[in-house]
Every structure is written in structure tokens, then in C-alpha cells.
């Protein structure tokens, strides 16, 4: 006997997340314009590399928007548990774009390292770049909090990427400032190289998260602990026992499988009513969680089954 419970993907919540993706698109366009202006004013390859990363931010935001729209679709005949894994594809695309940007930045930095060029209008350029960093920082915090609250990898990845961009901007601003203070023009491309390396690290982290999701990684420990508390509380109150708990995450949806051990004399009707009660409790207490149950009579061990 099996039962699945939880709020239907796409019924509430997921569709609303697209507003955060639109916010990310708007922020990417704004910061791209500001950073490109700063690079044009100063001629700094460091600021140019920062602007190049904003291009990646824009592409990533558009991909995240598409992924969230797909993830919000309700289950259908071909996707019984919804389309939540679209968010993992979004993170994978973003990681690839990050690597492309890093290569472009580092190549440009090497050329400028070999042929240094003086900087101009440094004060105005740094001011414009600082404004862009503030915009990115505010949006990054908003996206990260929304992603964690709604278990959205697409938003969390986009938020982390933007926060990486903030620190990149800080590093570039410091680098350009050092050029002015020391007169050493090669500091600028060196900072750009460091920016490129930092972007690569960020991309590897996103790719690791995406691969883990596509490989059906178990839900986070904290979420599993919540599931165990609900199951243990239910089992204690109903005089049964549970075992063989397995889980996997699919975007913001958590899939749970568990065995319910009931007295051997129970009827099918009574066992079915028990699973419906558990389904209702899981739906009430755990957000976006599907549970699949297997009922077995006490004294007869059944092999574990997973979703």
C-alpha cells in the first residue's frame, strides 16, 4: 500500500518565485550598465572583468527565470512528481557560463599584464562601480534568503553568484586603488586574474550542487530530522513503529519513503486509514513533501523500498 502526500508542486509558491528571478534580471542589467561605464571611464581591465561577470549574471538570471517557470508547472502524465529538477539544470548552465566568463577575464588580464596601460578618471569609475556593488549586494541577500526559505536551488545559486560578484567588485576597487597609490599598472591585471580564479571556484561549487541534485541526493540533514520527528511522533501516538526511511530531493520537493509496521490483525481498511492520517499530518507539518508508505504486519520484515 502506498500513499503520496504534500502540497502539489505548482499549486502555490513556485510560480511566485519568478518575481525574484525578474529582480535578478533587472539587477544584472543595471549593474552591467554601471560597470561597463566604470570600465570605459577608467580603461581598467579589472573593472572590465567585473563588467564581464555581469554579463554572466544576466544570462544566469534569464536561465533561472526559465527554470523557475518550468519548475512551477504542475505534475503531468510524463512528470508525476512535477518539474522541480529544472532548477538543477539552471544551476548547471550557470556554472558553465561562469567558467566561460572566467576564461575570458583571465585571457584579457594576461594580455594587459604583458602590455600595461594607464588608467583614467579613476575616481568617477570607482564610484560607479561601488554603486553597482551595493545594488548587487542587496539583490544577492534577497535572492539567497528567498531561495533558502523556499528550497529553491535556482534562486540560492543566483544569490550566491551575485554575492561572489560583490566581493569581486570589492577586490577590483581595491586593486584599482592600489594602482593609483603605487603607480604599478600591473596590479590591475593581477587583480583581474584573481577575480577569474575566484569565479572558477564559485562555478565549481554550483556545479557540485547541481550534480548532487541530478544524482538524487538525500534531503539535507536538518530536513531529514524534521521528517523523523513527524514520523516518530505519529508512530508513538498511533501505537505503531516505522523504519526503512529513505529520502531524496527534487528541487524544492522532498520525496520520502517509509515502512509502517502495524499489528498483524489489522484490516486493509484500517491500515489504509492510517496512511491517510499520516498523509494529512505530513502535508500539514512539512512543506512540499511527498511521502510514500509501505504497510507491513508486525513480525514480518519486508525489504526496504525506495521511491
Protein backbone atom coordinates (compact mmCIF):
# COMPACT_ATOMS: atom_id res chain seq x y z
CA UNK A 1 0.00 0.00 0.00
CA UNK A 2 1.44 3.36 -0.97
CA UNK A 3 0.42 6.91 -0.43
CA UNK A 4 1.86 10.23 -1.54
CA UNK A 5 1.21 13.48 0.22
CA UNK A 6 2.24 17.09 0.29
CA UNK A 7 1.28 20.27 -1.48
CA UNK A 8 1.22 19.85 -5.23
CA UNK A 9 4.16 21.46 -6.96
CA UNK A 10 2.96 24.47 -8.83
CA UNK A 11 -0.23 24.89 -6.81
CA UNK A 12 1.26 27.58 -4.57
CA UNK A 13 4.67 29.11 -4.01
CA UNK A 14 6.78 28.04 -7.02
CA UNK A 15 5.09 30.33 -9.54
CA UNK A 16 5.56 33.29 -7.18
CA UNK A 17 9.32 32.73 -7.14
CA UNK A 18 9.62 34.08 -10.67
CA UNK A 19 9.34 37.62 -9.28
CA UNK A 20 12.71 37.09 -7.63
CA UNK A 21 14.17 35.98 -10.95
CA UNK A 22 12.84 39.15 -12.59
CA UNK A 23 14.50 41.12 -9.80
CA UNK A 24 17.77 39.37 -10.63
CA UNK A 25 17.37 40.22 -14.34
CA UNK A 26 16.77 43.88 -13.50
CA UNK A 27 19.79 43.96 -11.18
CA UNK A 28 22.01 42.32 -13.82
CA UNK A 29 21.02 44.89 -16.46
CA UNK A 30 21.57 47.77 -14.02
CA UNK A 31 24.96 46.61 -12.77
CA UNK A 32 26.11 45.69 -16.28
CA UNK A 33 25.44 49.24 -17.44
CA UNK A 34 27.15 50.74 -14.37
CA UNK A 35 30.23 48.50 -14.53
CA UNK A 36 30.63 48.92 -18.29
CA UNK A 37 30.54 52.69 -17.74
CA UNK A 38 33.17 52.39 -14.99
CA UNK A 39 35.42 50.29 -17.24
CA UNK A 40 35.00 52.75 -20.11
CA UNK A 41 35.81 55.73 -17.90
CA UNK A 42 38.97 54.23 -16.43
CA UNK A 43 40.28 51.77 -19.00
CA UNK A 44 40.79 49.30 -16.16
CA UNK A 45 40.91 45.62 -17.16
CA UNK A 46 39.92 44.79 -13.59
CA UNK A 47 36.72 46.80 -13.93
CA UNK A 48 36.22 45.33 -17.41
CA UNK A 49 36.43 41.83 -15.93
CA UNK A 50 33.86 42.85 -13.33
CA UNK A 51 31.56 44.04 -16.12
CA UNK A 52 32.07 40.76 -17.97
CA UNK A 53 30.88 38.87 -14.92
CA UNK A 54 27.70 40.95 -15.00
CA UNK A 55 27.03 39.54 -18.47
CA UNK A 56 27.17 36.09 -16.90
CA UNK A 57 24.84 37.32 -14.15
CA UNK A 58 22.31 38.41 -16.78
CA UNK A 59 22.42 35.08 -18.62
CA UNK A 60 22.20 33.20 -15.32
CA UNK A 61 19.19 35.27 -14.24
CA UNK A 62 17.39 34.56 -17.51
CA UNK A 63 18.13 30.85 -17.21
CA UNK A 64 16.92 30.87 -13.60
CA UNK A 65 13.72 32.61 -14.69
CA UNK A 66 13.08 29.94 -17.32
CA UNK A 67 13.88 27.15 -14.84
CA UNK A 68 11.52 28.55 -12.21
CA UNK A 69 8.72 28.83 -14.74
CA UNK A 70 9.24 25.21 -15.75
CA UNK A 71 9.58 24.04 -12.13
CA UNK A 72 6.26 25.72 -11.30
CA UNK A 73 4.36 23.54 -13.76
CA UNK A 74 2.04 21.03 -12.07
CA UNK A 75 2.61 17.26 -12.31
CA UNK A 76 1.51 15.65 -15.55
CA UNK A 77 1.39 12.19 -17.11
CA UNK A 78 5.07 12.32 -18.02
CA UNK A 79 6.27 14.01 -14.82
CA UNK A 80 4.29 12.59 -11.91
CA UNK A 81 6.31 14.48 -9.29
CA UNK A 82 6.40 17.76 -11.15
CA UNK A 83 9.28 19.52 -12.90
CA UNK A 84 11.44 20.54 -9.94
CA UNK A 85 14.70 19.26 -11.42
CA UNK A 86 14.64 22.09 -13.94
CA UNK A 87 16.34 24.11 -11.21
CA UNK A 88 19.34 21.76 -11.24
CA UNK A 89 19.69 22.27 -14.99
CA UNK A 90 19.61 26.01 -14.37
CA UNK A 91 22.48 25.74 -11.88
CA UNK A 92 24.46 23.60 -14.34
CA UNK A 93 24.08 26.16 -17.13
CA UNK A 94 25.06 28.95 -14.75
CA UNK A 95 28.20 27.05 -13.73
CA UNK A 96 29.23 26.61 -17.38
CA UNK A 97 28.65 30.31 -18.05
CA UNK A 98 30.80 31.17 -15.04
CA UNK A 99 33.68 29.11 -16.43
CA UNK A 100 33.40 30.83 -19.83
CA UNK A 101 33.47 34.25 -18.19
CA UNK A 102 36.47 33.28 -16.07
CA UNK A 103 38.47 32.19 -19.11
CA UNK A 104 37.66 35.43 -20.95
CA UNK A 105 38.60 37.54 -17.93
CA UNK A 106 41.91 35.74 -17.37
CA UNK A 107 42.92 35.94 -21.04
CA UNK A 108 42.24 39.68 -21.06
CA UNK A 109 44.21 40.07 -17.83
CA UNK A 110 47.23 38.24 -19.23
CA UNK A 111 47.28 40.49 -22.30
CA UNK A 112 47.09 43.62 -20.10
CA UNK A 113 49.80 42.18 -17.82
CA UNK A 114 52.11 41.94 -20.82
CA UNK A 115 51.12 45.37 -22.13
CA UNK A 116 50.13 47.64 -19.20
CA UNK A 117 48.05 50.75 -19.95
CA UNK A 118 47.47 53.81 -17.75
CA UNK A 119 44.12 54.34 -16.02
CA UNK A 120 41.91 57.42 -16.39
CA UNK A 121 39.01 59.00 -14.48
CA UNK A 122 39.65 56.60 -11.61
CA UNK A 123 37.53 58.44 -9.03
CA UNK A 124 34.38 58.50 -11.16
CA UNK A 125 34.89 54.91 -12.29
CA UNK A 126 35.28 53.58 -8.77
CA UNK A 127 32.20 55.48 -7.58
CA UNK A 128 30.07 53.98 -10.36
CA UNK A 129 31.45 50.52 -9.62
CA UNK A 130 30.72 50.91 -5.90
CA UNK A 131 27.08 51.77 -6.66
CA UNK A 132 26.82 48.63 -8.77
CA UNK A 133 28.26 46.58 -5.89
CA UNK A 134 25.66 47.93 -3.47
CA UNK A 135 22.84 47.03 -5.89
CA UNK A 136 24.23 43.52 -6.33
CA UNK A 137 24.65 43.04 -2.59
CA UNK A 138 21.06 43.96 -1.81
CA UNK A 139 19.67 41.69 -4.52
CA UNK A 140 22.03 38.85 -3.56
CA UNK A 141 20.78 38.85 0.03
CA UNK A 142 17.16 38.93 -1.15
CA UNK A 143 17.63 36.00 -3.54
CA UNK A 144 19.61 33.89 -1.08
CA UNK A 145 17.04 34.32 1.68
CA UNK A 146 14.17 33.57 -0.72
CA UNK A 147 15.99 30.52 -2.07
CA UNK A 148 16.64 29.06 1.36
CA UNK A 149 13.13 29.83 2.55
CA UNK A 150 11.56 28.15 -0.49
CA UNK A 151 14.21 25.43 -1.01
CA UNK A 152 14.95 26.79 -4.49
CA UNK A 153 18.40 25.90 -5.82
CA UNK A 154 17.97 28.26 -8.78
CA UNK A 155 17.44 31.28 -6.53
CA UNK A 156 20.06 30.21 -3.98
CA UNK A 157 22.64 29.68 -6.74
CA UNK A 158 21.82 33.03 -8.32
CA UNK A 159 22.07 34.76 -4.95
CA UNK A 160 25.42 33.18 -4.13
CA UNK A 161 26.71 34.06 -7.56
CA UNK A 162 25.71 37.69 -7.11
CA UNK A 163 27.36 37.78 -3.68
CA UNK A 164 30.53 36.44 -5.27
CA UNK A 165 30.23 39.30 -7.74
CA UNK A 166 30.02 41.74 -4.83
CA UNK A 167 33.30 40.51 -3.39
CA UNK A 168 34.76 40.58 -6.88
CA UNK A 169 33.79 44.25 -7.15
CA UNK A 170 35.38 44.96 -3.78
CA UNK A 171 38.60 43.29 -4.91
CA UNK A 172 38.65 45.19 -8.19
CA UNK A 173 38.05 48.52 -6.46
CA UNK A 174 40.90 47.82 -4.04
CA UNK A 175 43.13 46.80 -6.96
CA UNK A 176 42.45 49.97 -8.92
CA UNK A 177 43.02 51.99 -5.76
CA UNK A 178 46.40 50.31 -5.32
CA UNK A 179 47.33 51.22 -8.89
CA UNK A 180 46.67 54.88 -8.06
CA UNK A 181 48.61 54.68 -4.78
CA UNK A 182 51.61 52.71 -6.03
CA UNK A 183 51.73 53.68 -9.69
CA UNK A 184 52.22 49.99 -10.58
CA UNK A 185 49.97 49.36 -13.59
CA UNK A 186 50.40 45.59 -13.36
CA UNK A 187 48.42 45.46 -10.12
CA UNK A 188 45.23 45.94 -12.16
CA UNK A 189 45.58 42.79 -14.36
CA UNK A 190 46.83 40.78 -11.38
CA UNK A 191 43.60 41.61 -9.56
CA UNK A 192 41.68 40.60 -12.69
CA UNK A 193 43.44 37.21 -12.65
CA UNK A 194 42.46 36.74 -9.01
CA UNK A 195 38.89 37.66 -9.94
CA UNK A 196 38.92 34.98 -12.63
CA UNK A 197 40.19 32.37 -10.19
CA UNK A 198 37.50 33.34 -7.68
CA UNK A 199 34.82 32.95 -10.35
CA UNK A 200 36.10 29.45 -11.19
CA UNK A 201 35.76 28.43 -7.53
CA UNK A 202 32.20 29.77 -7.49
CA UNK A 203 31.36 27.83 -10.64
CA UNK A 204 32.72 24.59 -9.23
CA UNK A 205 30.53 24.99 -6.15
CA UNK A 206 27.39 25.50 -8.24
CA UNK A 207 28.24 22.56 -10.50
CA UNK A 208 28.74 20.32 -7.47
CA UNK A 209 25.29 21.28 -6.14
CA UNK A 210 23.63 20.68 -9.49
CA UNK A 211 25.24 17.26 -9.96
CA UNK A 212 24.25 16.22 -6.43
CA UNK A 213 20.62 17.09 -7.20
CA UNK A 214 20.59 15.28 -10.53
CA UNK A 215 22.05 12.23 -8.76
CA UNK A 216 19.06 12.18 -6.36
CA UNK A 217 20.98 13.19 -3.26
CA UNK A 218 19.19 12.68 0.05
CA UNK A 219 17.45 15.69 1.57
CA UNK A 220 19.57 17.86 3.94
CA UNK A 221 20.17 16.55 7.47
CA UNK A 222 18.01 19.26 9.05
CA UNK A 223 15.07 18.42 6.78
CA UNK A 224 15.50 14.69 7.47
CA UNK A 225 15.46 15.41 11.20
CA UNK A 226 12.13 17.22 10.72
CA UNK A 227 10.72 14.20 8.88
CA UNK A 228 11.93 11.84 11.60
CA UNK A 229 10.29 13.97 14.30
CA UNK A 230 6.95 13.90 12.49
CA UNK A 231 7.13 10.15 11.89
CA UNK A 232 8.23 9.31 15.43
CA UNK A 233 5.51 11.49 16.92
CA UNK A 234 2.87 9.94 14.68
CA UNK A 235 4.05 6.38 15.42
CA UNK A 236 4.08 6.99 19.18
CA UNK A 237 0.54 8.37 19.19
CA UNK A 238 -0.83 5.62 16.97
CA UNK A 239 0.91 2.68 18.64
CA UNK A 240 2.89 1.55 15.61
CA UNK A 241 6.53 1.66 14.55
CA UNK A 242 8.32 2.96 11.48
CA UNK A 243 11.56 2.03 9.77
CA UNK A 244 13.36 1.96 6.39
CA UNK A 245 13.23 5.74 5.97
CA UNK A 246 14.76 6.91 2.69
CA UNK A 247 14.69 10.35 1.09
CA UNK A 248 15.70 12.30 -1.98
CA UNK A 249 15.40 15.90 -3.04
CA UNK A 250 13.93 17.05 -6.35
CA UNK A 251 14.33 20.79 -6.47
CA UNK A 252 12.19 22.25 -3.71
CA UNK A 253 10.23 19.00 -3.41
CA UNK A 254 11.27 16.40 -0.81
CA UNK A 255 10.42 12.77 -1.53
CA UNK A 256 10.16 10.43 1.45
CA UNK A 257 9.65 6.66 1.66
CA UNK A 258 8.95 4.79 4.92
CA UNK A 259 7.60 1.45 6.19
CA UNK A 260 4.76 1.45 8.73
CA UNK A 261 4.70 -1.65 10.96
CA UNK A 262 1.14 -2.33 12.19
CA UNK A 263 -0.41 -5.18 14.21
CA UNK A 264 -0.89 -8.28 12.05
CA UNK A 265 -4.62 -8.44 12.81
CA UNK A 266 -5.35 -5.02 11.33
CA UNK A 267 -7.64 -4.95 8.29
CA UNK A 268 -6.69 -3.36 4.99
CA UNK A 269 -9.29 -0.68 5.66
CA UNK A 270 -7.76 0.26 8.99
CA UNK A 271 -4.24 0.30 7.55
CA UNK A 272 -5.40 2.47 4.69
CA UNK A 273 -6.99 4.93 7.11
CA UNK A 274 -3.67 5.08 8.97
CA UNK A 275 -1.77 6.04 5.82
CA UNK A 276 -4.33 8.74 5.05
CA UNK A 277 -3.87 10.16 8.54
CA UNK A 278 -0.10 10.19 8.10
CA UNK A 279 -0.50 11.79 4.68
CA UNK A 280 -2.60 14.57 6.20
CA UNK A 281 -0.14 15.16 9.02
CA UNK A 282 2.85 15.31 6.69
CA UNK A 283 1.02 17.75 4.42
CA UNK A 284 0.24 19.98 7.41
CA UNK A 285 3.61 19.91 9.13
CA UNK A 286 6.13 19.57 6.30
CA UNK A 287 6.30 21.93 3.35
CA UNK A 288 6.34 20.48 -0.18
CA UNK A 289 6.91 16.90 0.95
CA UNK A 290 5.66 13.74 -0.73
CA UNK A 291 5.52 10.59 1.38
CA UNK A 292 5.29 7.05 0.06
CA UNK A 293 4.38 4.44 2.67
CA UNK A 294 4.58 0.69 2.74
CA UNK A 295 2.45 -1.09 5.35
CA UNK A 296 3.77 -4.34 6.79
CA UNK A 297 2.38 -6.56 9.57
CA UNK A 298 4.44 -6.86 12.74
CA UNK A 299 6.66 -9.90 12.80
CA UNK A 300 7.12 -9.97 9.04
CA UNK A 301 10.11 -7.99 7.90
CA UNK A 302 9.89 -6.60 4.39
CA UNK A 303 12.88 -5.41 2.34
CA UNK A 304 13.31 -1.69 2.03
CA UNK A 305 11.60 0.06 -0.85
CA UNK A 306 12.52 3.45 -2.16
CA UNK A 307 10.86 5.99 -4.39
